[in-house]
Amino acid sequence: RKLLLSEVLKELSLMTPPQTWLTSVTSSHEDKNEVVTITAEAPTTKLMNEFLTGLESSYYFRSVRFAFSEQIGAGAREIYRFQFKTEISPMEFGRAPGSVK
């Protein structure tokens, strides 16, 4: 069965930690693979790492790569902007969507 974009977005919303904001989600084709680029912001690097761990454990995403991180703001308004790139996994027979690898 074909993977629906709405399923990917739902999974992405479930993987996003509290106090982490998605600022951009785009998709493209690279080397015959569907690649999703996720840009987000969070107040701590711990949340950024939790997000990465969640994506890596997801059924839908594979080959998660850290693209960049930068600190924006200062003091009490310190925020980290970061970006991940990940391929969307093809559907596999016998695997339930949303199941952990």
N, C-alpha and C. Protein backbone atom coordinates (compact mmCIF):
# COMPACT_ATOMS: atom_id res chain seq x y z
N ARG A 1 0.84 -1.18 0.00
CA ARG A 1 0.00 0.00 0.00
C ARG A 1 0.87 1.22 0.00
N LYS A 2 0.38 2.30 -0.58
CA LYS A 2 1.13 3.55 -0.67
C LYS A 2 1.05 4.30 0.65
N LEU A 3 2.19 4.81 1.08
CA LEU A 3 2.28 5.59 2.30
C LEU A 3 1.69 6.98 2.04
N LEU A 4 0.77 7.41 2.89
CA LEU A 4 0.12 8.70 2.74
C LEU A 4 0.88 9.77 3.51
N LEU A 5 0.96 10.97 2.94
CA LEU A 5 1.62 12.07 3.60
C LEU A 5 0.98 12.36 4.95
N SER A 6 -0.32 12.21 5.06
CA SER A 6 -1.00 12.47 6.33
C SER A 6 -0.51 11.53 7.43
N GLU A 7 -0.16 10.29 7.07
CA GLU A 7 0.38 9.34 8.05
C GLU A 7 1.76 9.78 8.53
N VAL A 8 2.57 10.27 7.59
CA VAL A 8 3.91 10.74 7.94
C VAL A 8 3.81 11.96 8.85
N LEU A 9 2.92 12.90 8.54
CA LEU A 9 2.76 14.09 9.36
C LEU A 9 2.22 13.75 10.75
N LYS A 10 1.32 12.79 10.82
CA LYS A 10 0.81 12.37 12.12
C LYS A 10 1.94 11.77 12.97
N GLU A 11 2.73 10.91 12.37
CA GLU A 11 3.87 10.31 13.07
C GLU A 11 4.85 11.39 13.52
N LEU A 12 5.10 12.35 12.66
CA LEU A 12 6.00 13.44 12.99
C LEU A 12 5.48 14.23 14.19
N SER A 13 4.19 14.47 14.22
CA SER A 13 3.62 15.21 15.35
C SER A 13 3.73 14.41 16.65
N LEU A 14 3.62 13.09 16.57
CA LEU A 14 3.77 12.24 17.75
C LEU A 14 5.22 12.18 18.23
N MET A 15 6.18 12.34 17.33
CA MET A 15 7.60 12.27 17.67
C MET A 15 8.15 13.60 18.19
N THR A 16 7.40 14.69 18.00
CA THR A 16 7.87 16.01 18.40
C THR A 16 7.68 16.22 19.89
N PRO A 17 8.79 16.43 20.64
CA PRO A 17 8.67 16.62 22.09
C PRO A 17 7.91 17.90 22.43
N PRO A 18 7.37 17.97 23.66
CA PRO A 18 6.75 19.21 24.12
C PRO A 18 7.78 20.35 24.07
N GLN A 19 7.33 21.54 23.88
CA GLN A 19 8.17 22.74 23.81
C GLN A 19 9.13 22.71 22.62
N THR A 20 8.83 21.90 21.63
CA THR A 20 9.61 21.86 20.39
C THR A 20 8.67 22.27 19.27
N TRP A 21 9.10 23.22 18.46
CA TRP A 21 8.23 23.78 17.44
C TRP A 21 8.77 23.47 16.06
N LEU A 22 7.93 22.88 15.23
CA LEU A 22 8.30 22.66 13.83
C LEU A 22 8.15 23.99 13.10
N THR A 23 9.18 24.41 12.40
CA THR A 23 9.10 25.66 11.65
C THR A 23 9.03 25.41 10.15
N SER A 24 9.46 24.21 9.72
CA SER A 24 9.40 23.89 8.30
C SER A 24 9.49 22.37 8.12
N VAL A 25 8.66 21.85 7.23
CA VAL A 25 8.73 20.44 6.83
C VAL A 25 8.58 20.42 5.32
N THR A 26 9.62 19.95 4.63
CA THR A 26 9.58 19.90 3.18
C THR A 26 10.00 18.50 2.72
N SER A 27 9.59 18.15 1.52
CA SER A 27 10.01 16.87 0.97
C SER A 27 10.60 17.07 -0.42
N SER A 28 11.49 16.17 -0.78
CA SER A 28 12.13 16.22 -2.08
C SER A 28 12.58 14.81 -2.46
N HIS A 29 12.96 14.64 -3.70
CA HIS A 29 13.50 13.36 -4.17
C HIS A 29 15.02 13.52 -4.32
N GLU A 30 15.75 12.63 -3.67
CA GLU A 30 17.20 12.62 -3.76
C GLU A 30 17.63 11.18 -3.98
N ASP A 31 18.34 10.94 -5.07
CA ASP A 31 18.82 9.59 -5.40
C ASP A 31 17.70 8.54 -5.33
N LYS A 32 16.56 8.87 -5.91
CA LYS A 32 15.39 7.98 -5.98
C LYS A 32 14.74 7.70 -4.63
N ASN A 33 15.07 8.49 -3.61
CA ASN A 33 14.45 8.35 -2.29
C ASN A 33 13.66 9.61 -1.98
N GLU A 34 12.58 9.43 -1.23
CA GLU A 34 11.81 10.56 -0.74
C GLU A 34 12.47 11.04 0.55
N VAL A 35 12.94 12.29 0.55
CA VAL A 35 13.65 12.85 1.70
C VAL A 35 12.81 13.96 2.31
N VAL A 36 12.65 13.91 3.63
CA VAL A 36 11.93 14.95 4.35
C VAL A 36 12.96 15.76 5.13
N THR A 37 12.89 17.08 4.98
CA THR A 37 13.74 17.99 5.73
C THR A 37 12.88 18.65 6.80
N ILE A 38 13.30 18.51 8.05
CA ILE A 38 12.54 19.01 9.20
C ILE A 38 13.37 20.09 9.88
N THR A 39 12.84 21.29 9.95
CA THR A 39 13.49 22.37 10.68
C THR A 39 12.62 22.68 11.90
N ALA A 40 13.26 22.81 13.06
CA ALA A 40 12.51 23.00 14.29
C ALA A 40 13.30 23.88 15.25
N GLU A 41 12.63 24.28 16.33
CA GLU A 41 13.26 25.06 17.39
C GLU A 41 12.86 24.49 18.73
N ALA A 42 13.79 24.57 19.69
CA ALA A 42 13.54 24.08 21.04
C ALA A 42 14.38 24.89 22.02
N PRO A 43 13.95 24.98 23.29
CA PRO A 43 14.70 25.76 24.26
C PRO A 43 15.95 25.06 24.80
N THR A 44 16.10 23.75 24.56
CA THR A 44 17.26 23.03 25.08
C THR A 44 17.78 22.03 24.05
N THR A 45 19.06 21.70 24.15
CA THR A 45 19.62 20.67 23.28
C THR A 45 19.09 19.29 23.68
N LYS A 46 18.67 19.12 24.93
CA LYS A 46 18.09 17.85 25.36
C LYS A 46 16.84 17.54 24.54
N LEU A 47 15.98 18.53 24.33
CA LEU A 47 14.77 18.32 23.52
C LEU A 47 15.12 18.01 22.07
N MET A 48 16.16 18.68 21.56
CA MET A 48 16.61 18.41 20.20
C MET A 48 17.05 16.94 20.08
N ASN A 49 17.79 16.46 21.06
CA ASN A 49 18.25 15.07 21.05
C ASN A 49 17.10 14.08 21.23
N GLU A 50 16.10 14.42 22.05
CA GLU A 50 14.91 13.57 22.21
C GLU A 50 14.17 13.43 20.88
N PHE A 51 14.08 14.54 20.16
CA PHE A 51 13.42 14.52 18.86
C PHE A 51 14.17 13.60 17.90
N LEU A 52 15.48 13.73 17.86
CA LEU A 52 16.31 12.88 17.00
C LEU A 52 16.11 11.40 17.35
N THR A 53 16.13 11.09 18.63
CA THR A 53 15.95 9.70 19.08
C THR A 53 14.58 9.17 18.67
N GLY A 54 13.54 10.00 18.81
CA GLY A 54 12.20 9.59 18.40
C GLY A 54 12.11 9.30 16.91
N LEU A 55 12.70 10.17 16.10
CA LEU A 55 12.69 9.95 14.66
C LEU A 55 13.43 8.67 14.29
N GLU A 56 14.55 8.41 14.95
CA GLU A 56 15.32 7.21 14.66
C GLU A 56 14.59 5.93 15.04
N SER A 57 13.67 6.01 16.02
CA SER A 57 12.93 4.82 16.45
C SER A 57 11.62 4.64 15.70
N SER A 58 11.28 5.58 14.84
CA SER A 58 10.01 5.55 14.12
C SER A 58 10.03 4.56 12.97
N TYR A 59 8.90 3.97 12.71
CA TYR A 59 8.73 3.06 11.57
C TYR A 59 8.85 3.81 10.24
N TYR A 60 8.39 5.05 10.21
CA TYR A 60 8.31 5.79 8.96
C TYR A 60 9.61 6.41 8.48
N PHE A 61 10.55 6.65 9.38
CA PHE A 61 11.76 7.38 9.03
C PHE A 61 12.98 6.49 9.11
N ARG A 62 13.92 6.69 8.18
CA ARG A 62 15.16 5.94 8.21
C ARG A 62 16.30 6.86 7.77
N SER A 63 17.51 6.49 8.10
CA SER A 63 18.69 7.28 7.74
C SER A 63 18.53 8.73 8.18
N VAL A 64 18.17 8.93 9.44
CA VAL A 64 18.01 10.28 9.97
C VAL A 64 19.39 10.93 10.08
N ARG A 65 19.52 12.11 9.49
CA ARG A 65 20.79 12.82 9.51
C ARG A 65 20.61 14.20 10.14
N PHE A 66 21.56 14.56 10.97
CA PHE A 66 21.57 15.88 11.59
C PHE A 66 22.19 16.85 10.59
N ALA A 67 21.46 17.88 10.18
CA ALA A 67 21.96 18.82 9.18
C ALA A 67 22.68 20.00 9.81
N PHE A 68 22.04 20.65 10.80
CA PHE A 68 22.70 21.77 11.49
C PHE A 68 21.96 22.11 12.78
N SER A 69 22.65 22.87 13.61
CA SER A 69 22.08 23.42 14.83
C SER A 69 22.70 24.79 15.05
N GLU A 70 21.90 25.73 15.53
CA GLU A 70 22.42 27.04 15.86
C GLU A 70 21.65 27.61 17.03
N GLN A 71 22.34 28.36 17.85
CA GLN A 71 21.71 29.02 18.98
C GLN A 71 21.25 30.39 18.52
N ILE A 72 19.98 30.68 18.78
CA ILE A 72 19.46 32.01 18.44
C ILE A 72 18.92 32.63 19.72
N GLY A 73 18.98 33.91 19.83
CA GLY A 73 18.55 34.58 21.06
C GLY A 73 19.64 34.49 22.12
N ALA A 74 19.35 35.04 23.29
CA ALA A 74 20.31 35.02 24.38
C ALA A 74 19.58 35.09 25.72
N GLY A 75 20.29 34.69 26.76
CA GLY A 75 19.73 34.76 28.11
C GLY A 75 18.50 33.90 28.26
N ALA A 76 17.46 34.47 28.84
CA ALA A 76 16.21 33.73 29.09
C ALA A 76 15.49 33.36 27.80
N ARG A 77 15.82 33.99 26.71
CA ARG A 77 15.17 33.72 25.42
C ARG A 77 16.03 32.88 24.50
N GLU A 78 16.93 32.12 25.07
CA GLU A 78 17.81 31.26 24.28
C GLU A 78 17.02 30.13 23.64
N ILE A 79 17.17 29.98 22.35
CA ILE A 79 16.47 28.95 21.58
C ILE A 79 17.49 28.30 20.64
N TYR A 80 17.29 27.03 20.38
CA TYR A 80 18.12 26.31 19.42
C TYR A 80 17.31 26.00 18.18
N ARG A 81 17.82 26.38 17.04
CA ARG A 81 17.20 26.05 15.76
C ARG A 81 18.03 24.90 15.18
N PHE A 82 17.36 23.89 14.66
CA PHE A 82 18.07 22.73 14.15
C PHE A 82 17.32 22.13 12.98
N GLN A 83 18.04 21.26 12.25
CA GLN A 83 17.44 20.64 11.08
C GLN A 83 17.90 19.19 10.96
N PHE A 84 16.94 18.32 10.64
CA PHE A 84 17.21 16.92 10.36
C PHE A 84 16.76 16.63 8.94
N LYS A 85 17.44 15.69 8.31
CA LYS A 85 16.99 15.15 7.02
C LYS A 85 16.81 13.66 7.22
N THR A 86 15.73 13.14 6.67
CA THR A 86 15.43 11.72 6.84
C THR A 86 14.73 11.19 5.60
N GLU A 87 14.99 9.95 5.30
CA GLU A 87 14.28 9.29 4.21
C GLU A 87 13.00 8.69 4.77
N ILE A 88 11.99 8.63 3.93
CA ILE A 88 10.74 7.98 4.33
C ILE A 88 10.86 6.51 3.97
N SER A 89 10.58 5.66 4.95
CA SER A 89 10.68 4.21 4.73
C SER A 89 9.56 3.73 3.84
N PRO A 90 9.87 2.83 2.90
CA PRO A 90 8.79 2.23 2.11
C PRO A 90 7.99 1.29 3.00
N MET A 91 6.74 1.09 2.66
CA MET A 91 5.92 0.17 3.43
C MET A 91 6.47 -1.24 3.29
N GLU A 92 6.51 -1.96 4.39
CA GLU A 92 7.00 -3.33 4.37
C GLU A 92 5.85 -4.28 4.71
N PHE A 93 5.76 -5.37 4.00
CA PHE A 93 4.71 -6.35 4.25
C PHE A 93 4.85 -6.90 5.66
N GLY A 94 3.74 -6.92 6.37
CA GLY A 94 3.74 -7.51 7.70
C GLY A 94 4.12 -6.57 8.83
N ARG A 95 4.48 -5.33 8.51
CA ARG A 95 4.83 -4.36 9.54
C ARG A 95 3.67 -3.38 9.70
N ALA A 96 3.27 -3.15 10.91
CA ALA A 96 2.17 -2.25 11.16
C ALA A 96 2.67 -0.81 11.16
N PRO A 97 1.97 0.11 10.48
CA PRO A 97 2.36 1.51 10.53
C PRO A 97 2.39 2.00 11.98
N GLY A 98 3.37 2.81 12.29
CA GLY A 98 3.49 3.34 13.64
C GLY A 98 4.22 2.43 14.60
N SER A 99 4.59 1.22 14.16
CA SER A 99 5.31 0.33 15.06
C SER A 99 6.77 0.71 15.10
N VAL A 100 7.39 0.46 16.23
CA VAL A 100 8.79 0.79 16.42
C VAL A 100 9.64 -0.29 15.78
N LYS A 101 10.76 0.11 15.21
CA LYS A 101 11.67 -0.84 14.54
C LYS A 101 12.18 -1.86 15.51
